[in-house]
Structures are given as structure tokens and as C-alpha cells.
N, C-alpha and C. Protein backbone atom coordinates (compact mmCIF):
# COMPACT_ATOMS: atom_id res chain seq x y z
N MET A 1 3.61 164.45 65.37
CA MET A 1 4.86 164.08 64.70
C MET A 1 5.89 163.62 65.73
N GLU A 2 6.65 162.58 65.38
CA GLU A 2 7.75 162.15 66.24
C GLU A 2 8.85 163.20 66.22
N TYR A 3 9.59 163.28 67.34
CA TYR A 3 10.64 164.29 67.45
C TYR A 3 11.64 164.20 66.30
N GLU A 4 12.10 162.99 66.01
CA GLU A 4 13.10 162.83 64.95
C GLU A 4 12.56 163.31 63.61
N GLN A 5 11.30 163.04 63.34
CA GLN A 5 10.70 163.49 62.08
C GLN A 5 10.69 165.00 62.00
N VAL A 6 10.33 165.66 63.10
CA VAL A 6 10.32 167.12 63.13
C VAL A 6 11.69 167.68 62.81
N VAL A 7 12.71 167.16 63.49
CA VAL A 7 14.06 167.69 63.33
C VAL A 7 14.60 167.43 61.93
N ARG A 8 14.35 166.25 61.40
CA ARG A 8 14.90 165.90 60.09
C ARG A 8 14.16 166.59 58.94
N GLU A 9 12.86 166.85 59.11
CA GLU A 9 12.06 167.39 58.01
C GLU A 9 11.92 168.91 58.05
N ARG A 10 12.17 169.52 59.21
CA ARG A 10 12.01 170.97 59.31
C ARG A 10 12.97 171.69 58.36
N ARG A 11 12.48 172.75 57.78
CA ARG A 11 13.32 173.59 56.93
C ARG A 11 12.85 175.04 57.07
N SER A 12 13.71 175.95 56.66
CA SER A 12 13.36 177.37 56.74
C SER A 12 12.31 177.71 55.69
N ILE A 13 11.28 178.43 56.10
CA ILE A 13 10.18 178.80 55.22
C ILE A 13 10.25 180.30 54.94
N ARG A 14 10.32 180.63 53.65
CA ARG A 14 10.47 182.03 53.23
C ARG A 14 9.30 182.51 52.37
N GLY A 15 8.26 181.70 52.25
CA GLY A 15 7.05 182.08 51.54
C GLY A 15 5.84 181.56 52.31
N TYR A 16 4.86 182.42 52.55
CA TYR A 16 3.75 182.08 53.43
C TYR A 16 2.39 182.30 52.76
N GLN A 17 1.43 181.51 53.19
CA GLN A 17 0.05 181.74 52.76
C GLN A 17 -0.47 183.03 53.40
N LYS A 18 -1.35 183.70 52.68
CA LYS A 18 -1.98 184.91 53.25
C LYS A 18 -3.14 184.47 54.14
N LYS A 19 -2.76 183.89 55.25
CA LYS A 19 -3.72 183.28 56.16
C LYS A 19 -3.24 183.55 57.58
N PRO A 20 -4.10 184.14 58.42
CA PRO A 20 -3.65 184.48 59.78
C PRO A 20 -3.37 183.24 60.62
N VAL A 21 -2.51 183.41 61.59
CA VAL A 21 -2.21 182.36 62.56
C VAL A 21 -2.93 182.71 63.86
N PRO A 22 -3.75 181.82 64.39
CA PRO A 22 -4.47 182.14 65.62
C PRO A 22 -3.52 182.45 66.79
N LYS A 23 -3.87 183.45 67.55
CA LYS A 23 -3.06 183.82 68.71
C LYS A 23 -2.91 182.64 69.66
N ALA A 24 -3.97 181.86 69.83
CA ALA A 24 -3.92 180.73 70.74
C ALA A 24 -2.87 179.70 70.31
N LEU A 25 -2.70 179.53 69.00
CA LEU A 25 -1.72 178.58 68.50
C LEU A 25 -0.30 179.07 68.77
N VAL A 26 -0.08 180.37 68.58
CA VAL A 26 1.25 180.93 68.87
C VAL A 26 1.55 180.78 70.36
N ARG A 27 0.57 181.03 71.20
CA ARG A 27 0.76 180.85 72.65
C ARG A 27 1.14 179.41 72.97
N GLU A 28 0.48 178.48 72.31
CA GLU A 28 0.78 177.06 72.55
C GLU A 28 2.21 176.73 72.15
N VAL A 29 2.64 177.25 71.00
CA VAL A 29 4.01 177.02 70.55
C VAL A 29 5.01 177.57 71.57
N LEU A 30 4.76 178.78 72.05
CA LEU A 30 5.67 179.39 73.02
C LEU A 30 5.69 178.62 74.33
N GLU A 31 4.52 178.19 74.77
CA GLU A 31 4.45 177.46 76.04
C GLU A 31 5.30 176.20 75.99
N ILE A 32 5.22 175.48 74.89
CA ILE A 32 6.02 174.25 74.74
C ILE A 32 7.50 174.59 74.61
N ALA A 33 7.81 175.57 73.75
CA ALA A 33 9.21 175.91 73.48
C ALA A 33 9.93 176.43 74.72
N MET A 34 9.19 177.05 75.62
CA MET A 34 9.81 177.62 76.81
C MET A 34 10.26 176.57 77.82
N ARG A 35 10.09 175.31 77.47
CA ARG A 35 10.70 174.24 78.27
C ARG A 35 12.17 174.07 77.89
N ALA A 36 12.67 174.88 76.99
CA ALA A 36 14.08 174.80 76.59
C ALA A 36 14.98 174.96 77.81
N PRO A 37 16.10 174.23 77.84
CA PRO A 37 17.01 174.36 78.99
C PRO A 37 17.72 175.70 79.00
N THR A 38 17.96 176.22 80.20
CA THR A 38 18.72 177.46 80.35
C THR A 38 19.68 177.32 81.53
N SER A 39 20.66 178.18 81.57
CA SER A 39 21.64 178.16 82.64
C SER A 39 20.98 178.46 83.99
N LEU A 40 21.00 177.48 84.90
CA LEU A 40 20.42 177.63 86.24
C LEU A 40 18.98 178.15 86.18
N ASN A 41 18.27 177.75 85.13
CA ASN A 41 16.85 178.09 84.97
C ASN A 41 16.60 179.61 84.94
N THR A 42 17.54 180.36 84.38
CA THR A 42 17.40 181.83 84.35
C THR A 42 16.34 182.31 83.38
N GLN A 43 16.07 181.56 82.29
CA GLN A 43 15.02 181.91 81.33
C GLN A 43 15.08 183.40 80.96
N PRO A 44 16.14 183.84 80.30
CA PRO A 44 16.34 185.28 80.07
C PRO A 44 15.46 185.89 78.98
N TRP A 45 14.72 185.08 78.27
CA TRP A 45 14.03 185.56 77.08
C TRP A 45 12.73 186.31 77.37
N ASN A 46 12.39 187.17 76.43
CA ASN A 46 11.09 187.82 76.35
C ASN A 46 10.66 187.78 74.88
N PHE A 47 9.35 187.74 74.64
CA PHE A 47 8.84 187.65 73.27
C PHE A 47 7.83 188.77 73.01
N TYR A 48 8.02 189.47 71.92
CA TYR A 48 7.06 190.48 71.47
C TYR A 48 6.49 189.95 70.15
N VAL A 49 5.26 189.46 70.23
CA VAL A 49 4.64 188.77 69.10
C VAL A 49 3.76 189.76 68.35
N VAL A 50 4.13 190.04 67.09
CA VAL A 50 3.43 191.08 66.34
C VAL A 50 2.80 190.51 65.07
N ALA A 51 1.69 191.09 64.71
CA ALA A 51 0.95 190.68 63.51
C ALA A 51 0.15 191.88 63.01
N GLY A 52 -0.59 191.69 61.92
CA GLY A 52 -1.50 192.71 61.43
C GLY A 52 -0.86 194.05 61.15
N ASP A 53 -1.55 195.12 61.54
CA ASP A 53 -1.08 196.48 61.27
C ASP A 53 0.26 196.78 61.94
N VAL A 54 0.47 196.23 63.12
CA VAL A 54 1.73 196.49 63.83
C VAL A 54 2.91 195.94 63.04
N LEU A 55 2.77 194.71 62.57
CA LEU A 55 3.85 194.11 61.78
C LEU A 55 4.03 194.85 60.46
N ASP A 56 2.94 195.29 59.85
CA ASP A 56 3.04 196.04 58.59
C ASP A 56 3.82 197.34 58.78
N LYS A 57 3.63 198.00 59.91
CA LYS A 57 4.37 199.24 60.18
C LYS A 57 5.86 198.96 60.35
N ILE A 58 6.18 197.85 61.00
CA ILE A 58 7.59 197.47 61.15
C ILE A 58 8.20 197.17 59.80
N ARG A 59 7.48 196.42 58.97
CA ARG A 59 7.97 196.10 57.62
C ARG A 59 8.26 197.39 56.85
N LYS A 60 7.29 198.29 56.87
CA LYS A 60 7.40 199.54 56.10
C LYS A 60 8.60 200.36 56.57
N GLY A 61 8.73 200.54 57.87
CA GLY A 61 9.83 201.33 58.39
C GLY A 61 11.18 200.68 58.15
N ASN A 62 11.23 199.37 58.27
CA ASN A 62 12.47 198.63 58.05
C ASN A 62 12.93 198.77 56.61
N VAL A 63 12.01 198.60 55.67
CA VAL A 63 12.34 198.72 54.25
C VAL A 63 12.76 200.14 53.91
N GLU A 64 11.96 201.11 54.33
CA GLU A 64 12.24 202.51 53.97
C GLU A 64 13.61 202.95 54.47
N ARG A 65 13.94 202.63 55.72
CA ARG A 65 15.22 203.06 56.28
C ARG A 65 16.40 202.35 55.61
N ASN A 66 16.24 201.06 55.34
CA ASN A 66 17.33 200.33 54.69
C ASN A 66 17.55 200.79 53.26
N VAL A 67 16.46 201.00 52.52
CA VAL A 67 16.58 201.46 51.13
C VAL A 67 17.19 202.87 51.08
N ALA A 68 16.89 203.67 52.11
CA ALA A 68 17.43 205.03 52.17
C ALA A 68 18.89 205.07 52.59
N GLY A 69 19.43 203.90 52.94
CA GLY A 69 20.84 203.83 53.31
C GLY A 69 21.12 204.11 54.77
N VAL A 70 20.09 204.08 55.60
CA VAL A 70 20.31 204.26 57.03
C VAL A 70 21.10 203.07 57.57
N PRO A 71 22.23 203.30 58.22
CA PRO A 71 23.03 202.17 58.73
C PRO A 71 22.20 201.28 59.65
N ASP A 72 22.44 199.99 59.57
CA ASP A 72 21.65 199.08 60.41
C ASP A 72 22.01 199.31 61.88
N SER A 73 21.07 198.99 62.74
CA SER A 73 21.23 199.24 64.18
C SER A 73 20.89 197.99 64.97
N ARG A 74 21.34 196.83 64.47
CA ARG A 74 21.14 195.61 65.24
C ARG A 74 21.77 195.78 66.62
N GLU A 75 21.10 195.27 67.62
CA GLU A 75 21.60 195.41 68.98
C GLU A 75 22.40 194.20 69.43
N PHE A 76 22.34 193.14 68.65
CA PHE A 76 23.08 191.92 68.95
C PHE A 76 24.25 191.84 67.98
N ARG A 77 25.46 191.76 68.49
CA ARG A 77 26.66 191.84 67.65
C ARG A 77 26.68 190.73 66.59
N MET A 78 26.95 191.14 65.36
CA MET A 78 27.08 190.17 64.27
C MET A 78 28.52 189.66 64.14
N GLY A 79 29.49 190.47 64.57
CA GLY A 79 30.89 190.06 64.49
C GLY A 79 31.43 190.19 63.07
N PRO A 80 32.68 189.77 62.86
CA PRO A 80 33.28 189.88 61.53
C PRO A 80 32.63 188.92 60.54
N GLY A 81 32.78 189.22 59.25
CA GLY A 81 32.23 188.35 58.22
C GLY A 81 32.87 186.97 58.26
N TYR A 82 32.09 185.96 57.90
CA TYR A 82 32.61 184.59 57.91
C TYR A 82 33.58 184.37 56.76
N GLU A 83 34.54 183.49 57.01
CA GLU A 83 35.51 183.10 55.99
C GLU A 83 35.63 181.59 55.96
N GLY A 84 36.38 181.09 54.97
CA GLY A 84 36.64 179.67 54.88
C GLY A 84 35.39 178.85 54.69
N PRO A 85 35.29 177.66 55.33
CA PRO A 85 34.14 176.78 55.11
C PRO A 85 32.81 177.40 55.56
N HIS A 86 32.88 178.29 56.54
CA HIS A 86 31.64 178.94 57.01
C HIS A 86 31.07 179.83 55.90
N ARG A 87 31.93 180.59 55.26
CA ARG A 87 31.50 181.43 54.16
C ARG A 87 31.04 180.58 52.98
N GLU A 88 31.72 179.48 52.75
CA GLU A 88 31.34 178.59 51.65
C GLU A 88 29.93 178.04 51.84
N ARG A 89 29.56 177.75 53.10
CA ARG A 89 28.21 177.26 53.35
C ARG A 89 27.17 178.35 53.12
N GLN A 90 27.51 179.58 53.49
CA GLN A 90 26.60 180.70 53.22
C GLN A 90 26.36 180.85 51.72
N ILE A 91 27.44 180.76 50.95
CA ILE A 91 27.33 180.90 49.50
C ILE A 91 26.53 179.74 48.92
N GLU A 92 26.74 178.54 49.45
CA GLU A 92 26.04 177.36 48.94
C GLU A 92 24.53 177.49 49.11
N ILE A 93 24.08 177.93 50.30
CA ILE A 93 22.63 178.03 50.50
C ILE A 93 22.05 179.16 49.65
N ALA A 94 22.82 180.24 49.47
CA ALA A 94 22.35 181.33 48.61
C ALA A 94 22.19 180.84 47.18
N LYS A 95 23.13 180.04 46.71
CA LYS A 95 23.04 179.49 45.35
C LYS A 95 21.82 178.58 45.21
N GLN A 96 21.56 177.77 46.22
CA GLN A 96 20.38 176.90 46.19
C GLN A 96 19.10 177.72 46.09
N LEU A 97 19.02 178.77 46.91
CA LEU A 97 17.81 179.58 46.92
C LEU A 97 17.62 180.33 45.61
N PHE A 98 18.70 180.94 45.12
CA PHE A 98 18.60 181.70 43.87
C PHE A 98 18.28 180.79 42.70
N ALA A 99 18.79 179.57 42.73
CA ALA A 99 18.53 178.63 41.63
C ALA A 99 17.04 178.28 41.56
N VAL A 100 16.44 177.92 42.69
CA VAL A 100 15.02 177.54 42.65
C VAL A 100 14.12 178.74 42.39
N MET A 101 14.58 179.94 42.78
CA MET A 101 13.79 181.15 42.55
C MET A 101 14.02 181.72 41.15
N GLY A 102 14.97 181.14 40.40
CA GLY A 102 15.25 181.63 39.05
C GLY A 102 15.91 182.99 39.04
N ILE A 103 16.69 183.30 40.07
CA ILE A 103 17.38 184.59 40.16
C ILE A 103 18.78 184.44 39.58
N GLU A 104 19.02 185.10 38.46
CA GLU A 104 20.33 185.00 37.81
C GLU A 104 21.35 185.90 38.52
N ARG A 105 22.61 185.55 38.38
CA ARG A 105 23.69 186.27 39.05
C ARG A 105 23.71 187.75 38.65
N HIS A 106 23.40 188.04 37.39
CA HIS A 106 23.48 189.40 36.89
C HIS A 106 22.19 190.20 37.13
N ASP A 107 21.14 189.54 37.62
CA ASP A 107 19.83 190.18 37.76
C ASP A 107 19.77 190.96 39.08
N LYS A 108 20.25 192.19 39.05
CA LYS A 108 20.32 193.00 40.26
C LYS A 108 18.93 193.31 40.82
N GLU A 109 17.97 193.50 39.93
CA GLU A 109 16.60 193.82 40.37
C GLU A 109 16.00 192.67 41.16
N ALA A 110 16.17 191.45 40.64
CA ALA A 110 15.62 190.28 41.32
C ALA A 110 16.33 190.03 42.65
N ARG A 111 17.64 190.27 42.66
CA ARG A 111 18.40 190.10 43.89
C ARG A 111 17.96 191.11 44.95
N MET A 112 17.73 192.35 44.53
CA MET A 112 17.27 193.36 45.47
C MET A 112 15.88 193.02 45.99
N ASP A 113 15.03 192.50 45.12
CA ASP A 113 13.69 192.10 45.54
C ASP A 113 13.78 191.03 46.63
N TRP A 114 14.74 190.13 46.48
CA TRP A 114 14.92 189.07 47.48
C TRP A 114 15.37 189.68 48.81
N VAL A 115 16.28 190.64 48.75
CA VAL A 115 16.74 191.31 49.96
C VAL A 115 15.57 192.02 50.65
N LEU A 116 14.75 192.69 49.85
CA LEU A 116 13.62 193.41 50.42
C LEU A 116 12.63 192.47 51.09
N ARG A 117 12.50 191.26 50.57
CA ARG A 117 11.63 190.26 51.22
C ARG A 117 12.12 190.00 52.64
N GLY A 118 13.44 189.92 52.80
CA GLY A 118 14.00 189.73 54.13
C GLY A 118 13.70 190.89 55.06
N PHE A 119 13.82 192.12 54.52
CA PHE A 119 13.49 193.30 55.32
C PHE A 119 12.01 193.29 55.73
N ARG A 120 11.16 192.68 54.88
CA ARG A 120 9.73 192.60 55.17
C ARG A 120 9.39 191.36 56.00
N GLN A 121 10.41 190.68 56.49
CA GLN A 121 10.20 189.45 57.25
C GLN A 121 9.43 188.43 56.42
N PHE A 122 9.78 188.42 55.12
CA PHE A 122 9.26 187.45 54.16
C PHE A 122 7.73 187.45 54.09
N ASP A 123 7.14 188.59 54.43
CA ASP A 123 5.68 188.76 54.36
C ASP A 123 4.93 187.74 55.20
N ALA A 124 5.57 187.26 56.25
CA ALA A 124 4.91 186.30 57.15
C ALA A 124 3.81 187.00 57.94
N PRO A 125 2.76 186.30 58.32
CA PRO A 125 1.68 186.92 59.08
C PRO A 125 2.02 187.20 60.55
N VAL A 126 3.08 186.56 61.06
CA VAL A 126 3.47 186.72 62.46
C VAL A 126 4.98 186.90 62.54
N SER A 127 5.42 187.75 63.44
CA SER A 127 6.84 187.85 63.77
C SER A 127 6.99 187.83 65.28
N ILE A 128 7.92 187.01 65.73
CA ILE A 128 8.23 186.95 67.16
C ILE A 128 9.59 187.61 67.37
N VAL A 129 9.59 188.74 68.04
CA VAL A 129 10.84 189.45 68.34
C VAL A 129 11.35 188.94 69.69
N VAL A 130 12.57 188.45 69.69
CA VAL A 130 13.16 187.86 70.89
C VAL A 130 14.11 188.87 71.54
N THR A 131 13.91 189.12 72.82
CA THR A 131 14.76 190.05 73.55
C THR A 131 15.24 189.41 74.85
N TYR A 132 16.23 190.07 75.47
CA TYR A 132 16.61 189.70 76.84
C TYR A 132 16.90 190.99 77.61
N ASP A 133 16.93 190.89 78.92
CA ASP A 133 17.07 192.07 79.76
C ASP A 133 18.44 192.72 79.58
N LYS A 134 18.44 194.05 79.45
CA LYS A 134 19.69 194.78 79.28
C LYS A 134 20.58 194.65 80.52
N SER A 135 19.99 194.33 81.65
CA SER A 135 20.78 194.19 82.88
C SER A 135 21.77 193.04 82.80
N ILE A 136 21.55 192.10 81.89
CA ILE A 136 22.49 190.98 81.73
C ILE A 136 23.21 191.06 80.38
N GLN A 137 23.16 192.22 79.73
CA GLN A 137 23.88 192.41 78.48
C GLN A 137 25.39 192.28 78.73
N GLY A 138 26.08 191.62 77.82
CA GLY A 138 27.51 191.38 77.98
C GLY A 138 27.80 189.96 78.38
N SER A 139 26.81 189.27 78.91
CA SER A 139 26.95 187.86 79.23
C SER A 139 26.71 187.03 77.97
N ASP A 140 27.59 186.08 77.69
CA ASP A 140 27.37 185.20 76.54
C ASP A 140 26.28 184.17 76.82
N ILE A 141 26.00 183.92 78.09
CA ILE A 141 25.03 182.89 78.45
C ILE A 141 23.61 183.28 78.03
N ALA A 142 23.24 184.55 78.25
CA ALA A 142 21.87 184.97 77.94
C ALA A 142 21.52 184.78 76.46
N PRO A 143 22.34 185.30 75.52
CA PRO A 143 22.01 185.07 74.11
C PRO A 143 22.12 183.60 73.72
N PHE A 144 23.02 182.85 74.37
CA PHE A 144 23.11 181.42 74.12
C PHE A 144 21.79 180.74 74.49
N ASP A 145 21.25 181.08 75.67
CA ASP A 145 19.98 180.50 76.09
C ASP A 145 18.83 180.93 75.19
N CYS A 146 18.87 182.19 74.73
CA CYS A 146 17.82 182.65 73.81
C CYS A 146 17.89 181.88 72.50
N GLY A 147 19.11 181.58 72.05
CA GLY A 147 19.24 180.75 70.86
C GLY A 147 18.61 179.39 71.03
N GLY A 148 18.73 178.84 72.25
CA GLY A 148 18.12 177.54 72.52
C GLY A 148 16.61 177.58 72.42
N VAL A 149 16.00 178.63 72.96
CA VAL A 149 14.54 178.71 72.91
C VAL A 149 14.06 178.98 71.49
N VAL A 150 14.86 179.74 70.70
CA VAL A 150 14.50 179.98 69.30
C VAL A 150 14.46 178.66 68.53
N ASN A 151 15.45 177.81 68.77
CA ASN A 151 15.46 176.49 68.13
C ASN A 151 14.19 175.71 68.50
N CYS A 152 13.81 175.76 69.77
CA CYS A 152 12.61 175.05 70.20
C CYS A 152 11.35 175.64 69.57
N ILE A 153 11.32 176.96 69.38
CA ILE A 153 10.16 177.59 68.76
C ILE A 153 9.97 177.09 67.34
N VAL A 154 11.04 177.11 66.54
CA VAL A 154 10.88 176.75 65.13
C VAL A 154 10.53 175.27 64.99
N ASN A 155 11.06 174.42 65.86
CA ASN A 155 10.73 173.00 65.79
C ASN A 155 9.31 172.72 66.27
N THR A 156 8.91 173.39 67.35
CA THR A 156 7.54 173.22 67.84
C THR A 156 6.54 173.71 66.81
N ALA A 157 6.83 174.86 66.21
CA ALA A 157 5.94 175.39 65.18
C ALA A 157 5.78 174.40 64.04
N TRP A 158 6.89 173.80 63.63
CA TRP A 158 6.85 172.83 62.52
C TRP A 158 5.95 171.64 62.89
N SER A 159 6.03 171.21 64.14
CA SER A 159 5.21 170.07 64.57
C SER A 159 3.73 170.40 64.55
N LYS A 160 3.39 171.70 64.53
CA LYS A 160 1.99 172.15 64.50
C LYS A 160 1.55 172.54 63.09
N GLY A 161 2.41 172.31 62.10
CA GLY A 161 2.06 172.66 60.73
C GLY A 161 2.48 174.04 60.30
N LEU A 162 3.15 174.78 61.18
CA LEU A 162 3.61 176.13 60.87
C LEU A 162 5.06 176.09 60.39
N GLY A 163 5.43 177.10 59.60
CA GLY A 163 6.81 177.24 59.17
C GLY A 163 7.41 178.51 59.74
N CYS A 164 8.73 178.54 59.84
CA CYS A 164 9.44 179.69 60.39
C CYS A 164 10.74 179.91 59.64
N VAL A 165 11.26 181.12 59.76
CA VAL A 165 12.65 181.40 59.39
C VAL A 165 13.18 182.41 60.39
N ILE A 166 14.36 182.12 60.93
CA ILE A 166 15.02 183.04 61.84
C ILE A 166 15.64 184.13 60.99
N ASN A 167 15.32 185.38 61.31
CA ASN A 167 15.58 186.44 60.34
C ASN A 167 16.06 187.72 61.02
N SER A 168 17.39 187.93 61.03
CA SER A 168 17.90 189.15 61.65
C SER A 168 17.73 190.37 60.74
N GLN A 169 17.41 190.14 59.44
CA GLN A 169 17.12 191.29 58.57
C GLN A 169 15.90 192.05 59.07
N GLY A 170 14.97 191.32 59.67
CA GLY A 170 13.72 191.93 60.11
C GLY A 170 13.87 192.87 61.28
N ILE A 171 15.04 192.82 61.97
CA ILE A 171 15.25 193.72 63.10
C ILE A 171 16.47 194.60 62.87
N MET A 172 16.86 194.77 61.60
CA MET A 172 18.04 195.58 61.30
C MET A 172 17.88 197.02 61.77
N GLN A 173 16.66 197.53 61.69
CA GLN A 173 16.40 198.90 62.13
C GLN A 173 15.68 198.83 63.48
N SER A 174 16.46 198.68 64.53
CA SER A 174 15.88 198.42 65.85
C SER A 174 14.96 199.54 66.35
N PRO A 175 15.22 200.84 66.03
CA PRO A 175 14.28 201.86 66.52
C PRO A 175 12.86 201.65 66.00
N VAL A 176 12.75 201.17 64.75
CA VAL A 176 11.43 200.92 64.17
C VAL A 176 10.74 199.78 64.92
N VAL A 177 11.49 198.70 65.13
CA VAL A 177 10.93 197.54 65.83
C VAL A 177 10.55 197.92 67.26
N ARG A 178 11.44 198.64 67.92
CA ARG A 178 11.20 199.02 69.32
C ARG A 178 9.95 199.89 69.44
N GLU A 179 9.78 200.83 68.51
CA GLU A 179 8.63 201.74 68.57
C GLU A 179 7.31 201.00 68.40
N HIS A 180 7.21 200.22 67.33
CA HIS A 180 5.91 199.63 67.01
C HIS A 180 5.59 198.38 67.82
N ALA A 181 6.63 197.64 68.24
CA ALA A 181 6.39 196.46 69.08
C ALA A 181 6.35 196.83 70.56
N LYS A 182 6.54 198.14 70.84
CA LYS A 182 6.47 198.65 72.22
C LYS A 182 7.46 197.93 73.14
N ILE A 183 8.69 197.82 72.66
CA ILE A 183 9.75 197.17 73.44
C ILE A 183 10.43 198.23 74.31
N PRO A 184 10.43 198.06 75.61
CA PRO A 184 11.03 199.07 76.49
C PRO A 184 12.54 199.15 76.36
N ASP A 185 13.09 200.24 76.84
CA ASP A 185 14.53 200.49 76.71
C ASP A 185 15.38 199.54 77.53
N ASP A 186 14.78 198.82 78.47
CA ASP A 186 15.57 197.92 79.30
C ASP A 186 15.73 196.53 78.67
N GLN A 187 15.35 196.41 77.37
CA GLN A 187 15.47 195.15 76.65
C GLN A 187 16.48 195.26 75.51
N VAL A 188 17.21 194.18 75.25
CA VAL A 188 18.09 194.07 74.09
C VAL A 188 17.38 193.22 73.05
N ILE A 189 17.25 193.76 71.83
CA ILE A 189 16.61 193.01 70.75
C ILE A 189 17.66 192.08 70.13
N GLN A 190 17.40 190.78 70.21
CA GLN A 190 18.37 189.81 69.69
C GLN A 190 18.07 189.40 68.26
N THR A 191 16.86 188.93 68.00
CA THR A 191 16.53 188.46 66.65
C THR A 191 15.02 188.41 66.51
N CYS A 192 14.55 187.98 65.36
CA CYS A 192 13.11 187.76 65.20
C CYS A 192 12.89 186.48 64.39
N ILE A 193 11.71 185.95 64.54
CA ILE A 193 11.32 184.72 63.86
C ILE A 193 10.07 185.00 63.05
N ALA A 194 10.16 184.88 61.74
CA ALA A 194 8.96 184.96 60.90
C ALA A 194 8.22 183.64 61.01
N MET A 195 6.89 183.70 61.09
CA MET A 195 6.10 182.48 61.30
C MET A 195 4.79 182.56 60.53
N GLY A 196 4.37 181.44 59.98
CA GLY A 196 3.09 181.38 59.28
C GLY A 196 2.87 180.01 58.67
N TRP A 197 1.80 179.92 57.89
CA TRP A 197 1.49 178.67 57.20
C TRP A 197 2.30 178.61 55.91
N PRO A 198 3.11 177.57 55.71
CA PRO A 198 3.95 177.51 54.51
C PRO A 198 3.14 177.51 53.22
N ASP A 199 3.64 178.25 52.25
CA ASP A 199 3.07 178.25 50.89
C ASP A 199 3.84 177.19 50.10
N ASP A 200 3.19 176.06 49.86
CA ASP A 200 3.86 174.95 49.19
C ASP A 200 4.22 175.25 47.74
N GLU A 201 3.64 176.32 47.19
CA GLU A 201 3.93 176.69 45.81
C GLU A 201 5.13 177.63 45.71
N PHE A 202 5.63 178.11 46.83
CA PHE A 202 6.75 179.05 46.82
C PHE A 202 8.05 178.27 46.66
N PRO A 203 8.80 178.49 45.58
CA PRO A 203 9.95 177.62 45.26
C PRO A 203 10.99 177.50 46.37
N ALA A 204 11.31 178.60 47.04
CA ALA A 204 12.38 178.55 48.04
C ALA A 204 12.05 177.63 49.21
N ASN A 205 10.77 177.36 49.42
CA ASN A 205 10.38 176.49 50.53
C ASN A 205 10.79 175.04 50.32
N SER A 206 11.17 174.70 49.10
CA SER A 206 11.59 173.32 48.82
C SER A 206 13.05 173.08 49.13
N VAL A 207 13.79 174.15 49.41
CA VAL A 207 15.23 174.03 49.62
C VAL A 207 15.52 173.36 50.97
N VAL A 208 16.36 172.33 50.92
CA VAL A 208 16.82 171.66 52.12
C VAL A 208 18.32 171.88 52.21
N SER A 209 18.77 172.50 53.27
CA SER A 209 20.19 172.82 53.41
C SER A 209 21.00 171.56 53.70
N ASN A 210 22.22 171.55 53.20
CA ASN A 210 23.13 170.44 53.45
C ASN A 210 23.74 170.59 54.84
N ARG A 211 24.09 169.47 55.46
CA ARG A 211 24.67 169.49 56.79
C ARG A 211 25.99 168.73 56.84
N LYS A 212 26.87 169.17 57.71
CA LYS A 212 28.10 168.42 57.94
C LYS A 212 27.76 167.03 58.46
N SER A 213 28.66 166.10 58.21
CA SER A 213 28.47 164.77 58.78
C SER A 213 28.91 164.77 60.24
N VAL A 214 28.49 163.75 60.98
CA VAL A 214 28.92 163.62 62.37
C VAL A 214 30.43 163.49 62.43
N ASP A 215 31.02 162.77 61.47
CA ASP A 215 32.47 162.59 61.47
C ASP A 215 33.21 163.91 61.31
N GLU A 216 32.62 164.85 60.57
CA GLU A 216 33.24 166.16 60.40
C GLU A 216 33.11 167.02 61.66
N ALA A 217 32.02 166.84 62.38
CA ALA A 217 31.71 167.75 63.49
C ALA A 217 32.14 167.23 64.85
N ALA A 218 32.20 165.91 65.02
CA ALA A 218 32.37 165.36 66.36
C ALA A 218 33.68 164.58 66.51
N THR A 219 34.27 164.71 67.70
CA THR A 219 35.43 163.91 68.09
C THR A 219 35.02 163.06 69.29
N PHE A 220 35.17 161.75 69.17
CA PHE A 220 34.79 160.83 70.24
C PHE A 220 36.04 160.32 70.96
N LEU A 221 36.02 160.40 72.29
CA LEU A 221 37.17 159.97 73.08
C LEU A 221 36.71 159.05 74.22
N GLY A 222 37.50 158.02 74.48
CA GLY A 222 37.23 157.18 75.64
C GLY A 222 36.19 156.08 75.44
N PHE A 223 35.65 155.96 74.22
CA PHE A 223 34.67 154.93 73.94
C PHE A 223 35.38 153.61 73.59
N GLU A 224 34.72 152.51 73.85
CA GLU A 224 35.27 151.20 73.52
C GLU A 224 34.75 150.66 72.20
N ASP A 225 33.90 151.45 71.51
CA ASP A 225 33.27 151.03 70.24
C ASP A 225 32.36 149.84 70.46
């Protein structure tokens, strides 16, 4: 696939085929994605790639603790809730997803089921947990660089026929993730990426998010047109 086609056609995948992803393919995706640019080539990222029984244990523990009301323990700051146009975009994508999934506003059971899917990392066959060294915690550059490699992972995966969704719900209960993914204490858990073969019959996979125009996002100075 051409680069432009990958970027324009990629979308978040929240429903997956019950089909394993070969370890060799995940390695290939990571190898390519790790060409992402970083500050002075620091490459702060680490990846804990989980599947099978290990991922099932993380799903189970994540769901059980969240349903029991255990406060989330994300290690990467979420900050204050979004307001204004940022919040409006969050609401817009939620409306798109609920519409195609047939989830009514008053249907609390269906809404909770959707939330639980997120806690289960959308039942994807693979999850990539992204971390960086605690020794550089507090630097904005490290998580910025990790965000860059995450973008490369999801685009590279798409070019190979795989789908992904970046999913912080899947690491809400960090002790569970740390235990089963064997993440040492000297790592900060930033996020995770659900990955697998897209299920074309899953309605939410058809959703394409709207984007700001270049005119809304960019200011050009010094050009002669």
C-alpha cells in the first residue's frame, strides 16, 4: 500500500476475528515502526507484547477490578477532562459508534457492555503495552516520542492487513498489567494497542472519524503563495 493510502484509509478497529496473529508478523510491524523519529535518537520505548492466556488474565483482572469499583491506576497522567471543541469531538465519535452499534441513549446495559469491551481490550488477539524507563519520568519528550512510535505501529499494522485501536482502558488497572505482562518496576506504563485481523462484519469498524480541515489547524506565514 502507498503511504498516503494507509494514512487516509486507516481507522480504529474495535472488533476482531478470532484468529491469532503470528509473532513474526508483530515483530515485523515493530521493526518498521521503530524507525519513528525521536529526540536525539533516544528511543525511550519498550514493548510488552501479550497474547493467549497472558492477555486473557489481564482482561479478566482489568474487568473485575473496574466493575468492583477499584479506582483506576493509570501511570500516565490523563489530565483534566476536555472541554469546548475537544469535548465536542469526543461526543461526536461516541455518537457515531453508538449509532452503528444500535446502542440507544437510555440503554444502560448496552452502554456498560461497550465499556467492558474496552476493559477487555476489545477482545483483540494481541495487545502491545508501551512503556518507557522510569528514570526519565517527568520529561514530556519521552511520552511524546512514544506517541510517535505508537502512530507508526498502527499505520504499519494497517499496511499489513491488521487493525489496531489505541486503548488506555486496557491498562487502567496497572498492577494487573504489570503482574501478567511481567513489566518491571523501573518502567512507566503509558498505553496499550489492541491489534488483530479486522472483523468486517463488526459495525463499529465502519466508522470513519471526522477531521479538522487544514485551514482550521494550520497558520501559514512567510509564503508567497
